[in-house]
């Protein structure tokens, strides 16, 4: 049952397999929303990105989705924005994702944010369930959506799913992926969110901080080698950085770092089990904070250059060959 305590609503779990905590107005409102996507690279959250989402929500009900964790986003967003309510909905299993109440809560939101955590849980527990259906219905309605870290990983048509990561295993590194594109952690799945602006696209987060250029290139190479698409785009976003994408595909990069927009087509030179990757050229544009990029035209601020991978080593056509 729902319990109302002043400005706090807690859906008491009982037999329910999910947890819902809400602050602000207990009654839903129907606000006019503006489509958009806040793609955040992880690390410290950006006030500017959340204010942008709130503005696009029309002051309605802001919903945070996660598979586990607390409700610390509730006071953070409530203090930043003038919205009707802020709620956190934890969906920790496929049983929870199948509960009709969960889809109903998602359907009433005017902004939806997928928190960081483990994208394998989002794919294993939410994909192919009413949660997926409700999220895609929200995109079609023009509800602004966003995500950070693992929540960013699931934004593209293609997703590095992390499903083969062991419980105590380190995250997949660029070095390991480049040395063997079929290393057991290299798992890419297709289809979750149906965002036309992110079609034929794969994302990665914590980009420079965790040196993930190599692993993004490996993921792109694997998809192209499989022949699933003829052209693939990649989007790598630094920590404490966000790409704020309007409904028409124009974006602004905000925060402390940069976003990297990559594009490649055709079969890579070598993508074989146990063999170092050979791939390229992959075109790229680096857009720093304050810059813009149009994902429909695939052009924007920043100088264009190209990446090449030879014997598992990444270089670029930039002066000095640096990859970042």
C-alpha atoms as a PDB file:
ATOM      1  CA  UNK A   1       0.000   0.000   0.000  1.00  0.00           C
ATOM      2  CA  UNK A   2       1.026   3.637  -0.407  1.00  0.00           C
ATOM      3  CA  UNK A   3       1.807   5.567   2.774  1.00  0.00           C
ATOM      4  CA  UNK A   4       1.602   9.394   2.738  1.00  0.00           C
ATOM      5  CA  UNK A   5       3.754  11.171   5.318  1.00  0.00           C
ATOM      6  CA  UNK A   6       3.847  14.934   4.832  1.00  0.00           C
ATOM      7  CA  UNK A   7       5.794  15.417   1.591  1.00  0.00           C
ATOM      8  CA  UNK A   8       6.917  11.779   1.414  1.00  0.00           C
ATOM      9  CA  UNK A   9       5.167   8.829  -0.206  1.00  0.00           C
ATOM     10  CA  UNK A  10       6.599   5.346   0.275  1.00  0.00           C
ATOM     11  CA  UNK A  11       5.060   2.380  -1.493  1.00  0.00           C
ATOM     12  CA  UNK A  12       5.418  -0.230   1.199  1.00  0.00           C
ATOM     13  CA  UNK A  13       6.830  -3.353  -0.411  1.00  0.00           C
ATOM     14  CA  UNK A  14       5.004  -6.075   1.460  1.00  0.00           C
ATOM     15  CA  UNK A  15       4.390  -8.640  -1.240  1.00  0.00           C
ATOM     16  CA  UNK A  16       5.432  -6.139  -3.916  1.00  0.00           C
ATOM     17  CA  UNK A  17       8.816  -6.894  -5.527  1.00  0.00           C
ATOM     18  CA  UNK A  18       9.697  -3.217  -6.051  1.00  0.00           C
ATOM     19  CA  UNK A  19      10.342  -0.134  -3.917  1.00  0.00           C
ATOM     20  CA  UNK A  20       8.907   3.323  -4.625  1.00  0.00           C
ATOM     21  CA  UNK A  21       9.783   6.478  -2.692  1.00  0.00           C
ATOM     22  CA  UNK A  22       8.296   9.842  -3.654  1.00  0.00           C
ATOM     23  CA  UNK A  23       8.696  13.392  -2.359  1.00  0.00           C
ATOM     24  CA  UNK A  24       6.645  16.443  -3.229  1.00  0.00           C
ATOM     25  CA  UNK A  25       3.002  16.395  -4.253  1.00  0.00           C
ATOM     26  CA  UNK A  26       1.310  13.010  -3.809  1.00  0.00           C
ATOM     27  CA  UNK A  27      -1.121  13.760  -6.634  1.00  0.00           C
ATOM     28  CA  UNK A  28       0.051  13.398 -10.215  1.00  0.00           C
ATOM     29  CA  UNK A  29      -0.174  16.291 -12.655  1.00  0.00           C
ATOM     30  CA  UNK A  30      -0.444  16.315 -16.434  1.00  0.00           C
ATOM     31  CA  UNK A  31       2.265  18.698 -17.619  1.00  0.00           C
ATOM     32  CA  UNK A  32       3.267  19.581 -21.179  1.00  0.00           C
ATOM     33  CA  UNK A  33       6.636  17.977 -21.871  1.00  0.00           C
ATOM     34  CA  UNK A  34       9.355  18.671 -24.418  1.00  0.00           C
ATOM     35  CA  UNK A  35      11.247  15.728 -25.939  1.00  0.00           C
ATOM     36  CA  UNK A  36      14.936  15.418 -25.188  1.00  0.00           C
ATOM     37  CA  UNK A  37      17.647  13.079 -23.942  1.00  0.00           C
ATOM     38  CA  UNK A  38      20.248  13.819 -21.262  1.00  0.00           C
ATOM     39  CA  UNK A  39      23.220  11.527 -21.880  1.00  0.00           C
ATOM     40  CA  UNK A  40      25.561  11.700 -18.885  1.00  0.00           C
ATOM     41  CA  UNK A  41      29.038  10.199 -18.674  1.00  0.00           C
ATOM     42  CA  UNK A  42      29.020   9.295 -14.988  1.00  0.00           C
ATOM     43  CA  UNK A  43      30.882  10.590 -11.965  1.00  0.00           C
ATOM     44  CA  UNK A  44      29.572  13.595 -10.053  1.00  0.00           C
ATOM     45  CA  UNK A  45      26.101  14.539 -11.271  1.00  0.00           C
ATOM     46  CA  UNK A  46      25.702  17.737 -13.258  1.00  0.00           C
ATOM     47  CA  UNK A  47      23.177  20.233 -11.926  1.00  0.00           C
ATOM     48  CA  UNK A  48      22.871  21.759 -15.398  1.00  0.00           C
ATOM     49  CA  UNK A  49      21.798  18.464 -16.943  1.00  0.00           C
ATOM     50  CA  UNK A  50      19.119  17.822 -14.329  1.00  0.00           C
ATOM     51  CA  UNK A  51      17.778  21.363 -14.582  1.00  0.00           C
ATOM     52  CA  UNK A  52      17.560  20.838 -18.349  1.00  0.00           C
ATOM     53  CA  UNK A  53      15.530  17.664 -17.801  1.00  0.00           C
ATOM     54  CA  UNK A  54      13.270  19.419 -15.313  1.00  0.00           C
ATOM     55  CA  UNK A  55      12.647  22.268 -17.743  1.00  0.00           C
ATOM     56  CA  UNK A  56      11.721  19.751 -20.440  1.00  0.00           C
ATOM     57  CA  UNK A  57       9.352  18.035 -17.988  1.00  0.00           C
ATOM     58  CA  UNK A  58       7.134  21.095 -17.806  1.00  0.00           C
ATOM     59  CA  UNK A  59       7.326  20.958 -14.016  1.00  0.00           C
ATOM     60  CA  UNK A  60       5.661  17.555 -13.863  1.00  0.00           C
ATOM     61  CA  UNK A  61       6.593  14.350 -12.057  1.00  0.00           C
ATOM     62  CA  UNK A  62      10.281  13.372 -12.218  1.00  0.00           C
ATOM     63  CA  UNK A  63      11.035   9.634 -11.940  1.00  0.00           C
ATOM     64  CA  UNK A  64      14.397   7.984 -11.233  1.00  0.00           C
ATOM     65  CA  UNK A  65      14.728   4.326 -12.198  1.00  0.00           C
ATOM     66  CA  UNK A  66      17.318   1.947 -10.799  1.00  0.00           C
ATOM     67  CA  UNK A  67      17.752  -1.749 -10.039  1.00  0.00           C
ATOM     68  CA  UNK A  68      19.107  -1.197  -6.544  1.00  0.00           C
ATOM     69  CA  UNK A  69      20.407   1.584  -4.330  1.00  0.00           C
ATOM     70  CA  UNK A  70      18.836   4.367  -2.325  1.00  0.00           C
ATOM     71  CA  UNK A  71      16.644   7.357  -3.030  1.00  0.00           C
ATOM     72  CA  UNK A  72      19.327  10.043  -2.687  1.00  0.00           C
ATOM     73  CA  UNK A  73      18.355  11.526  -6.042  1.00  0.00           C
ATOM     74  CA  UNK A  74      14.991  12.581  -4.606  1.00  0.00           C
ATOM     75  CA  UNK A  75      16.203  15.467  -2.413  1.00  0.00           C
ATOM     76  CA  UNK A  76      18.910  16.359  -4.953  1.00  0.00           C
ATOM     77  CA  UNK A  77      16.441  16.884  -7.807  1.00  0.00           C
ATOM     78  CA  UNK A  78      13.797  18.413  -5.526  1.00  0.00           C
ATOM     79  CA  UNK A  79      16.276  21.054  -4.351  1.00  0.00           C
ATOM     80  CA  UNK A  80      17.378  21.835  -7.919  1.00  0.00           C
ATOM     81  CA  UNK A  81      14.041  22.041  -9.673  1.00  0.00           C
ATOM     82  CA  UNK A  82      10.479  23.267  -9.432  1.00  0.00           C
ATOM     83  CA  UNK A  83       8.623  20.048 -10.236  1.00  0.00           C
ATOM     84  CA  UNK A  84       5.433  18.495  -8.922  1.00  0.00           C
ATOM     85  CA  UNK A  85       7.223  15.496  -7.418  1.00  0.00           C
ATOM     86  CA  UNK A  86      10.401  13.457  -7.514  1.00  0.00           C
ATOM     87  CA  UNK A  87      10.305   9.691  -7.043  1.00  0.00           C
ATOM     88  CA  UNK A  88      12.719   6.772  -7.098  1.00  0.00           C
ATOM     89  CA  UNK A  89      11.490   3.421  -8.360  1.00  0.00           C
ATOM     90  CA  UNK A  90      13.742   0.412  -7.699  1.00  0.00           C
ATOM     91  CA  UNK A  91      13.060  -2.522 -10.041  1.00  0.00           C
ATOM     92  CA  UNK A  92      15.355  -5.339  -8.829  1.00  0.00           C
ATOM     93  CA  UNK A  93      14.054  -8.349 -10.770  1.00  0.00           C
ATOM     94  CA  UNK A  94      12.011  -9.496 -13.759  1.00  0.00           C
ATOM     95  CA  UNK A  95       9.165 -10.160 -11.345  1.00  0.00           C
ATOM     96  CA  UNK A  96       9.257  -6.499 -10.329  1.00  0.00           C
ATOM     97  CA  UNK A  97       9.438  -5.396 -13.966  1.00  0.00           C
ATOM     98  CA  UNK A  98       6.315  -7.462 -14.704  1.00  0.00           C
ATOM     99  CA  UNK A  99       4.256  -5.840 -11.951  1.00  0.00           C
ATOM    100  CA  UNK A 100       1.512  -3.693 -13.580  1.00  0.00           C
ATOM    101  CA  UNK A 101       2.016  -0.982 -10.962  1.00  0.00           C
ATOM    102  CA  UNK A 102       5.578  -0.404 -12.165  1.00  0.00           C
ATOM    103  CA  UNK A 103       4.538   0.273 -15.761  1.00  0.00           C
ATOM    104  CA  UNK A 104       1.751   2.502 -14.466  1.00  0.00           C
ATOM    105  CA  UNK A 105       4.218   4.626 -12.471  1.00  0.00           C
ATOM    106  CA  UNK A 106       6.503   4.996 -15.482  1.00  0.00           C
ATOM    107  CA  UNK A 107       3.513   5.940 -17.613  1.00  0.00           C
ATOM    108  CA  UNK A 108       2.640   8.857 -15.334  1.00  0.00           C
ATOM    109  CA  UNK A 109       6.119  10.440 -15.313  1.00  0.00           C
ATOM    110  CA  UNK A 110       6.985  13.663 -17.149  1.00  0.00           C
ATOM    111  CA  UNK A 111      10.762  13.021 -16.912  1.00  0.00           C
ATOM    112  CA  UNK A 112      12.578   9.692 -16.563  1.00  0.00           C
ATOM    113  CA  UNK A 113      16.195   9.235 -15.503  1.00  0.00           C
ATOM    114  CA  UNK A 114      18.028   5.879 -15.371  1.00  0.00           C
ATOM    115  CA  UNK A 115      20.641   5.915 -12.619  1.00  0.00           C
ATOM    116  CA  UNK A 116      24.103   4.397 -12.707  1.00  0.00           C
ATOM    117  CA  UNK A 117      24.730   0.906 -11.426  1.00  0.00           C
ATOM    118  CA  UNK A 118      24.980  -2.244 -13.519  1.00  0.00           C
ATOM    119  CA  UNK A 119      23.620  -2.272 -17.063  1.00  0.00           C
ATOM    120  CA  UNK A 120      23.597  -6.076 -16.996  1.00  0.00           C
ATOM    121  CA  UNK A 121      20.790  -5.840 -14.436  1.00  0.00           C
ATOM    122  CA  UNK A 122      18.863  -3.431 -16.630  1.00  0.00           C
ATOM    123  CA  UNK A 123      19.170  -5.789 -19.600  1.00  0.00           C
ATOM    124  CA  UNK A 124      18.580  -9.010 -17.648  1.00  0.00           C
ATOM    125  CA  UNK A 125      15.671  -7.687 -15.599  1.00  0.00           C
ATOM    126  CA  UNK A 126      13.976  -4.991 -17.709  1.00  0.00           C
ATOM    127  CA  UNK A 127      14.492  -5.905 -21.372  1.00  0.00           C
ATOM    128  CA  UNK A 128      11.473  -7.647 -22.876  1.00  0.00           C
ATOM    129  CA  UNK A 129       9.166  -6.614 -20.014  1.00  0.00           C
ATOM    130  CA  UNK A 130       6.466  -3.977 -19.469  1.00  0.00           C
ATOM    131  CA  UNK A 131       9.218  -1.665 -18.198  1.00  0.00           C
ATOM    132  CA  UNK A 132      10.733  -1.601 -21.676  1.00  0.00           C
ATOM    133  CA  UNK A 133       7.308  -1.036 -23.211  1.00  0.00           C
ATOM    134  CA  UNK A 134       6.516   1.817 -20.812  1.00  0.00           C
ATOM    135  CA  UNK A 135       9.848   3.537 -21.435  1.00  0.00           C
ATOM    136  CA  UNK A 136       9.402   3.403 -25.185  1.00  0.00           C
ATOM    137  CA  UNK A 137       5.838   4.664 -24.895  1.00  0.00           C
ATOM    138  CA  UNK A 138       7.207   7.611 -22.898  1.00  0.00           C
ATOM    139  CA  UNK A 139       9.744   8.381 -25.646  1.00  0.00           C
ATOM    140  CA  UNK A 140       6.946   8.389 -28.216  1.00  0.00           C
ATOM    141  CA  UNK A 141       4.935  10.793 -26.008  1.00  0.00           C
ATOM    142  CA  UNK A 142       7.822  13.255 -25.927  1.00  0.00           C
ATOM    143  CA  UNK A 143       8.824  12.645 -22.305  1.00  0.00           C
ATOM    144  CA  UNK A 144      12.455  13.701 -21.671  1.00  0.00           C
ATOM    145  CA  UNK A 145      14.672  10.768 -20.699  1.00  0.00           C
ATOM    146  CA  UNK A 146      18.257  10.447 -19.557  1.00  0.00           C
ATOM    147  CA  UNK A 147      20.797   8.283 -17.862  1.00  0.00           C
ATOM    148  CA  UNK A 148      24.278   8.249 -16.377  1.00  0.00           C
ATOM    149  CA  UNK A 149      27.006   5.599 -16.479  1.00  0.00           C
ATOM    150  CA  UNK A 150      25.080   2.288 -16.711  1.00  0.00           C
ATOM    151  CA  UNK A 151      22.017   4.407 -17.469  1.00  0.00           C
ATOM    152  CA  UNK A 152      23.909   5.881 -20.419  1.00  0.00           C
ATOM    153  CA  UNK A 153      25.040   2.442 -21.609  1.00  0.00           C
ATOM    154  CA  UNK A 154      21.442   1.430 -22.411  1.00  0.00           C
ATOM    155  CA  UNK A 155      20.559   4.554 -24.410  1.00  0.00           C
ATOM    156  CA  UNK A 156      21.794   3.427 -27.835  1.00  0.00           C
ATOM    157  CA  UNK A 157      20.325   0.836 -30.180  1.00  0.00           C
ATOM    158  CA  UNK A 158      23.431  -1.252 -29.455  1.00  0.00           C
ATOM    159  CA  UNK A 159      24.449  -1.795 -25.830  1.00  0.00           C
ATOM    160  CA  UNK A 160      27.621  -2.981 -24.155  1.00  0.00           C
ATOM    161  CA  UNK A 161      25.714  -5.128 -21.687  1.00  0.00           C
ATOM    162  CA  UNK A 162      28.425  -6.256 -19.206  1.00  0.00           C
ATOM    163  CA  UNK A 163      26.435  -9.480 -18.836  1.00  0.00           C
ATOM    164  CA  UNK A 164      29.535 -11.673 -18.718  1.00  0.00           C
ATOM    165  CA  UNK A 165      31.307  -9.680 -16.010  1.00  0.00           C
ATOM    166  CA  UNK A 166      32.102 -11.843 -12.995  1.00  0.00           C
ATOM    167  CA  UNK A 167      30.996 -10.725  -9.558  1.00  0.00           C
ATOM    168  CA  UNK A 168      34.496  -9.660  -8.491  1.00  0.00           C
ATOM    169  CA  UNK A 169      35.901  -9.093 -11.983  1.00  0.00           C
ATOM    170  CA  UNK A 170      37.312  -5.778 -13.115  1.00  0.00           C
ATOM    171  CA  UNK A 171      35.401  -3.824 -15.755  1.00  0.00           C
ATOM    172  CA  UNK A 172      36.350  -4.649 -19.322  1.00  0.00           C
ATOM    173  CA  UNK A 173      39.464  -2.637 -20.193  1.00  0.00           C
ATOM    174  CA  UNK A 174      40.477  -1.269 -23.567  1.00  0.00           C
ATOM    175  CA  UNK A 175      43.726  -3.248 -23.377  1.00  0.00           C
ATOM    176  CA  UNK A 176      41.943  -6.583 -22.900  1.00  0.00           C
ATOM    177  CA  UNK A 177      39.318  -5.893 -25.558  1.00  0.00           C
ATOM    178  CA  UNK A 178      41.830  -4.710 -28.167  1.00  0.00           C
ATOM    179  CA  UNK A 179      44.018  -7.785 -27.618  1.00  0.00           C
ATOM    180  CA  UNK A 180      41.042 -10.106 -28.208  1.00  0.00           C
ATOM    181  CA  UNK A 181      37.730  -8.692 -29.506  1.00  0.00           C
ATOM    182  CA  UNK A 182      36.086 -11.975 -28.464  1.00  0.00           C
ATOM    183  CA  UNK A 183      37.283 -11.762 -24.851  1.00  0.00           C
ATOM    184  CA  UNK A 184      34.426 -13.137 -22.721  1.00  0.00           C
ATOM    185  CA  UNK A 185      33.382  -9.721 -21.394  1.00  0.00           C
ATOM    186  CA  UNK A 186      32.824  -8.280 -24.871  1.00  0.00           C
ATOM    187  CA  UNK A 187      29.044  -8.649 -25.088  1.00  0.00           C
ATOM    188  CA  UNK A 188      26.878  -6.394 -27.231  1.00  0.00           C
ATOM    189  CA  UNK A 189      23.082  -6.664 -27.346  1.00  0.00           C
ATOM    190  CA  UNK A 190      20.676  -4.862 -29.613  1.00  0.00           C
ATOM    191  CA  UNK A 191      17.467  -3.097 -28.738  1.00  0.00           C
ATOM    192  CA  UNK A 192      16.012  -1.739 -25.524  1.00  0.00           C
ATOM    193  CA  UNK A 193      15.103   1.926 -25.838  1.00  0.00           C
ATOM    194  CA  UNK A 194      13.569   2.873 -29.193  1.00  0.00           C
ATOM    195  CA  UNK A 195      15.004   6.336 -29.677  1.00  0.00           C
ATOM    196  CA  UNK A 196      15.288   7.130 -33.414  1.00  0.00           C
ATOM    197  CA  UNK A 197      18.036   9.645 -32.667  1.00  0.00           C
ATOM    198  CA  UNK A 198      20.173   6.849 -31.160  1.00  0.00           C
ATOM    199  CA  UNK A 199      19.596   4.286 -33.919  1.00  0.00           C
ATOM    200  CA  UNK A 200      22.762   2.528 -35.152  1.00  0.00           C
ATOM    201  CA  UNK A 201      24.589   3.962 -32.126  1.00  0.00           C
ATOM    202  CA  UNK A 202      26.502   2.551 -29.154  1.00  0.00           C
ATOM    203  CA  UNK A 203      27.634   4.580 -26.129  1.00  0.00           C
ATOM    204  CA  UNK A 204      30.276   4.428 -23.423  1.00  0.00           C
ATOM    205  CA  UNK A 205      30.830   6.418 -20.223  1.00  0.00           C
ATOM    206  CA  UNK A 206      33.664   7.500 -17.877  1.00  0.00           C
ATOM    207  CA  UNK A 207      35.477   7.831 -21.160  1.00  0.00           C
ATOM    208  CA  UNK A 208      38.884   9.428 -20.658  1.00  0.00           C
ATOM    209  CA  UNK A 209      39.076   8.734 -16.922  1.00  0.00           C
ATOM    210  CA  UNK A 210      38.854   4.968 -17.521  1.00  0.00           C
ATOM    211  CA  UNK A 211      40.525   4.977 -20.957  1.00  0.00           C
ATOM    212  CA  UNK A 212      37.583   3.479 -22.838  1.00  0.00           C
ATOM    213  CA  UNK A 213      38.292   4.569 -26.401  1.00  0.00           C
ATOM    214  CA  UNK A 214      39.766   1.174 -27.257  1.00  0.00           C
ATOM    215  CA  UNK A 215      36.849  -0.817 -25.928  1.00  0.00           C
ATOM    216  CA  UNK A 216      34.311   1.400 -27.725  1.00  0.00           C
ATOM    217  CA  UNK A 217      36.180   0.796 -30.986  1.00  0.00           C
ATOM    218  CA  UNK A 218      36.120  -2.950 -30.282  1.00  0.00           C
ATOM    219  CA  UNK A 219      32.360  -2.893 -29.700  1.00  0.00           C
ATOM    220  CA  UNK A 220      31.876  -1.008 -32.954  1.00  0.00           C
ATOM    221  CA  UNK A 221      34.096  -3.468 -34.806  1.00  0.00           C
ATOM    222  CA  UNK A 222      32.184  -6.446 -33.442  1.00  0.00           C
ATOM    223  CA  UNK A 223      28.817  -5.053 -34.563  1.00  0.00           C
ATOM    224  CA  UNK A 224      30.123  -4.228 -38.029  1.00  0.00           C
ATOM    225  CA  UNK A 225      31.797  -7.614 -38.367  1.00  0.00           C
ATOM    226  CA  UNK A 226      28.506  -9.311 -37.473  1.00  0.00           C
ATOM    227  CA  UNK A 227      26.888  -7.443 -40.363  1.00  0.00           C
ATOM    228  CA  UNK A 228      24.027  -6.153 -38.230  1.00  0.00           C
ATOM    229  CA  UNK A 229      24.357  -2.689 -39.783  1.00  0.00           C
ATOM    230  CA  UNK A 230      26.426  -1.234 -42.605  1.00  0.00           C
ATOM    231  CA  UNK A 231      27.326   1.898 -40.654  1.00  0.00           C
ATOM    232  CA  UNK A 232      27.671   2.339 -36.902  1.00  0.00           C
ATOM    233  CA  UNK A 233      28.069   5.388 -34.710  1.00  0.00           C
ATOM    234  CA  UNK A 234      29.741   5.565 -31.328  1.00  0.00           C
ATOM    235  CA  UNK A 235      29.377   8.146 -28.588  1.00  0.00           C
ATOM    236  CA  UNK A 236      31.908   8.321 -25.732  1.00  0.00           C
ATOM    237  CA  UNK A 237      31.194  10.784 -22.932  1.00  0.00           C
ATOM    238  CA  UNK A 238      33.604  11.899 -20.225  1.00  0.00           C
ATOM    239  CA  UNK A 239      32.831  11.880 -16.519  1.00  0.00           C
ATOM    240  CA  UNK A 240      31.106  15.010 -15.191  1.00  0.00           C
ATOM    241  CA  UNK A 241      30.020  15.704 -18.773  1.00  0.00           C
ATOM    242  CA  UNK A 242      26.684  15.385 -20.549  1.00  0.00           C
ATOM    243  CA  UNK A 243      25.317  15.548 -24.071  1.00  0.00           C
ATOM    244  CA  UNK A 244      21.951  17.304 -23.933  1.00  0.00           C
ATOM    245  CA  UNK A 245      20.024  16.215 -27.019  1.00  0.00           C
ATOM    246  CA  UNK A 246      16.924  18.040 -28.182  1.00  0.00           C
ATOM    247  CA  UNK A 247      14.109  16.252 -29.952  1.00  0.00           C
ATOM    248  CA  UNK A 248      15.392  17.470 -33.339  1.00  0.00           C
ATOM    249  CA  UNK A 249      18.819  15.866 -32.797  1.00  0.00           C
ATOM    250  CA  UNK A 250      20.779  19.016 -31.993  1.00  0.00           C
ATOM    251  CA  UNK A 251      22.950  18.661 -28.921  1.00  0.00           C
ATOM    252  CA  UNK A 252      24.946  20.755 -26.499  1.00  0.00           C
ATOM    253  CA  UNK A 253      27.871  19.365 -24.510  1.00  0.00           C
ATOM    254  CA  UNK A 254      28.007  20.584 -20.900  1.00  0.00           C
ATOM    255  CA  UNK A 255      30.232  19.894 -17.917  1.00  0.00           C
ATOM    256  CA  UNK A 256      33.976  19.540 -17.452  1.00  0.00           C
ATOM    257  CA  UNK A 257      35.054  17.235 -20.267  1.00  0.00           C
ATOM    258  CA  UNK A 258      34.234  16.298 -23.836  1.00  0.00           C
ATOM    259  CA  UNK A 259      32.112  14.004 -25.934  1.00  0.00           C
ATOM    260  CA  UNK A 260      33.533  11.921 -28.787  1.00  0.00           C
ATOM    261  CA  UNK A 261      31.343  11.229 -31.819  1.00  0.00           C
ATOM    262  CA  UNK A 262      32.617   8.294 -33.905  1.00  0.00           C
ATOM    263  CA  UNK A 263      31.390   6.754 -37.152  1.00  0.00           C
ATOM    264  CA  UNK A 264      32.547   3.730 -39.153  1.00  0.00           C
ATOM    265  CA  UNK A 265      31.262   1.611 -41.997  1.00  0.00           C
ATOM    266  CA  UNK A 266      32.126  -1.654 -43.701  1.00  0.00           C
ATOM    267  CA  UNK A 267      33.878  -4.724 -42.367  1.00  0.00           C
ATOM    268  CA  UNK A 268      36.943  -4.230 -40.138  1.00  0.00           C
ATOM    269  CA  UNK A 269      40.261  -5.573 -41.413  1.00  0.00           C
ATOM    270  CA  UNK A 270      40.520  -8.195 -38.645  1.00  0.00           C
ATOM    271  CA  UNK A 271      38.099  -9.189 -35.893  1.00  0.00           C
ATOM    272  CA  UNK A 272      39.056 -12.702 -34.825  1.00  0.00           C
ATOM    273  CA  UNK A 273      39.058 -14.631 -31.570  1.00  0.00           C
ATOM    274  CA  UNK A 274      42.447 -14.460 -29.863  1.00  0.00           C
ATOM    275  CA  UNK A 275      43.818 -11.941 -32.382  1.00  0.00           C
ATOM    276  CA  UNK A 276      44.507  -8.241 -31.851  1.00  0.00           C
ATOM    277  CA  UNK A 277      42.030  -5.907 -33.534  1.00  0.00           C
ATOM    278  CA  UNK A 278      42.721  -4.311 -36.942  1.00  0.00           C
ATOM    279  CA  UNK A 279      40.176  -1.585 -37.662  1.00  0.00           C
ATOM    280  CA  UNK A 280      39.780   1.779 -39.297  1.00  0.00           C
ATOM    281  CA  UNK A 281      39.684   4.431 -40.386  1.00  0.00           C
ATOM    282  CA  UNK A 282      36.952   5.485 -37.955  1.00  0.00           C
ATOM    283  CA  UNK A 283      35.941   9.126 -38.338  1.00  0.00           C
ATOM    284  CA  UNK A 284      35.679  11.187 -35.168  1.00  0.00           C
ATOM    285  CA  UNK A 285      34.768  14.608 -33.837  1.00  0.00           C
ATOM    286  CA  UNK A 286      35.687  15.672 -30.312  1.00  0.00           C
ATOM    287  CA  UNK A 287      33.295  18.261 -28.892  1.00  0.00           C
ATOM    288  CA  UNK A 288      34.284  20.019 -25.681  1.00  0.00           C
ATOM    289  CA  UNK A 289      31.926  21.558 -23.143  1.00  0.00           C
ATOM    290  CA  UNK A 290      30.068  24.474 -24.672  1.00  0.00           C
ATOM    291  CA  UNK A 291      30.187  22.962 -28.138  1.00  0.00           C
ATOM    292  CA  UNK A 292      27.355  21.526 -30.172  1.00  0.00           C
ATOM    293  CA  UNK A 293      26.728  18.556 -32.457  1.00  0.00           C
ATOM    294  CA  UNK A 294      23.845  17.506 -34.693  1.00  0.00           C
ATOM    295  CA  UNK A 295      23.304  13.741 -34.581  1.00  0.00           C
ATOM    296  CA  UNK A 296      21.004  13.768 -37.612  1.00  0.00           C
ATOM    297  CA  UNK A 297      23.573  15.474 -39.852  1.00  0.00           C
ATOM    298  CA  UNK A 298      26.458  13.954 -37.819  1.00  0.00           C
ATOM    299  CA  UNK A 299      28.478  17.140 -37.774  1.00  0.00           C
ATOM    300  CA  UNK A 300      29.227  19.856 -35.277  1.00  0.00           C
ATOM    301  CA  UNK A 301      31.841  21.892 -33.446  1.00  0.00           C
ATOM    302  CA  UNK A 302      35.323  20.467 -33.252  1.00  0.00           C
ATOM    303  CA  UNK A 303      37.956  19.326 -35.732  1.00  0.00           C
ATOM    304  CA  UNK A 304      37.367  16.074 -37.553  1.00  0.00           C
ATOM    305  CA  UNK A 305      40.021  13.338 -37.552  1.00  0.00           C
ATOM    306  CA  UNK A 306      40.220   9.542 -37.744  1.00  0.00           C
ATOM    307  CA  UNK A 307      41.183   6.569 -35.566  1.00  0.00           C
ATOM    308  CA  UNK A 308      43.065   3.514 -36.762  1.00  0.00           C
ATOM    309  CA  UNK A 309      43.749   0.303 -34.837  1.00  0.00           C
ATOM    310  CA  UNK A 310      46.822  -1.698 -35.841  1.00  0.00           C
ATOM    311  CA  UNK A 311      47.747  -4.873 -33.965  1.00  0.00           C
ATOM    312  CA  UNK A 312      45.485  -3.781 -31.110  1.00  0.00           C
ATOM    313  CA  UNK A 313      47.060  -0.315 -30.762  1.00  0.00           C
ATOM    314  CA  UNK A 314      44.877   2.772 -31.275  1.00  0.00           C
ATOM    315  CA  UNK A 315      46.232   5.889 -32.942  1.00  0.00           C
ATOM    316  CA  UNK A 316      44.642   8.949 -34.486  1.00  0.00           C
ATOM    317  CA  UNK A 317      45.322  11.302 -37.369  1.00  0.00           C
ATOM    318  CA  UNK A 318      45.608  14.181 -34.925  1.00  0.00           C
ATOM    319  CA  UNK A 319      49.031  15.744 -34.538  1.00  0.00           C
ATOM    320  CA  UNK A 320      51.068  13.409 -32.333  1.00  0.00           C
ATOM    321  CA  UNK A 321      48.618  10.535 -32.798  1.00  0.00           C
ATOM    322  CA  UNK A 322      46.949  11.030 -29.398  1.00  0.00           C
ATOM    323  CA  UNK A 323      43.594   9.339 -28.963  1.00  0.00           C
ATOM    324  CA  UNK A 324      42.008  11.852 -26.556  1.00  0.00           C
END
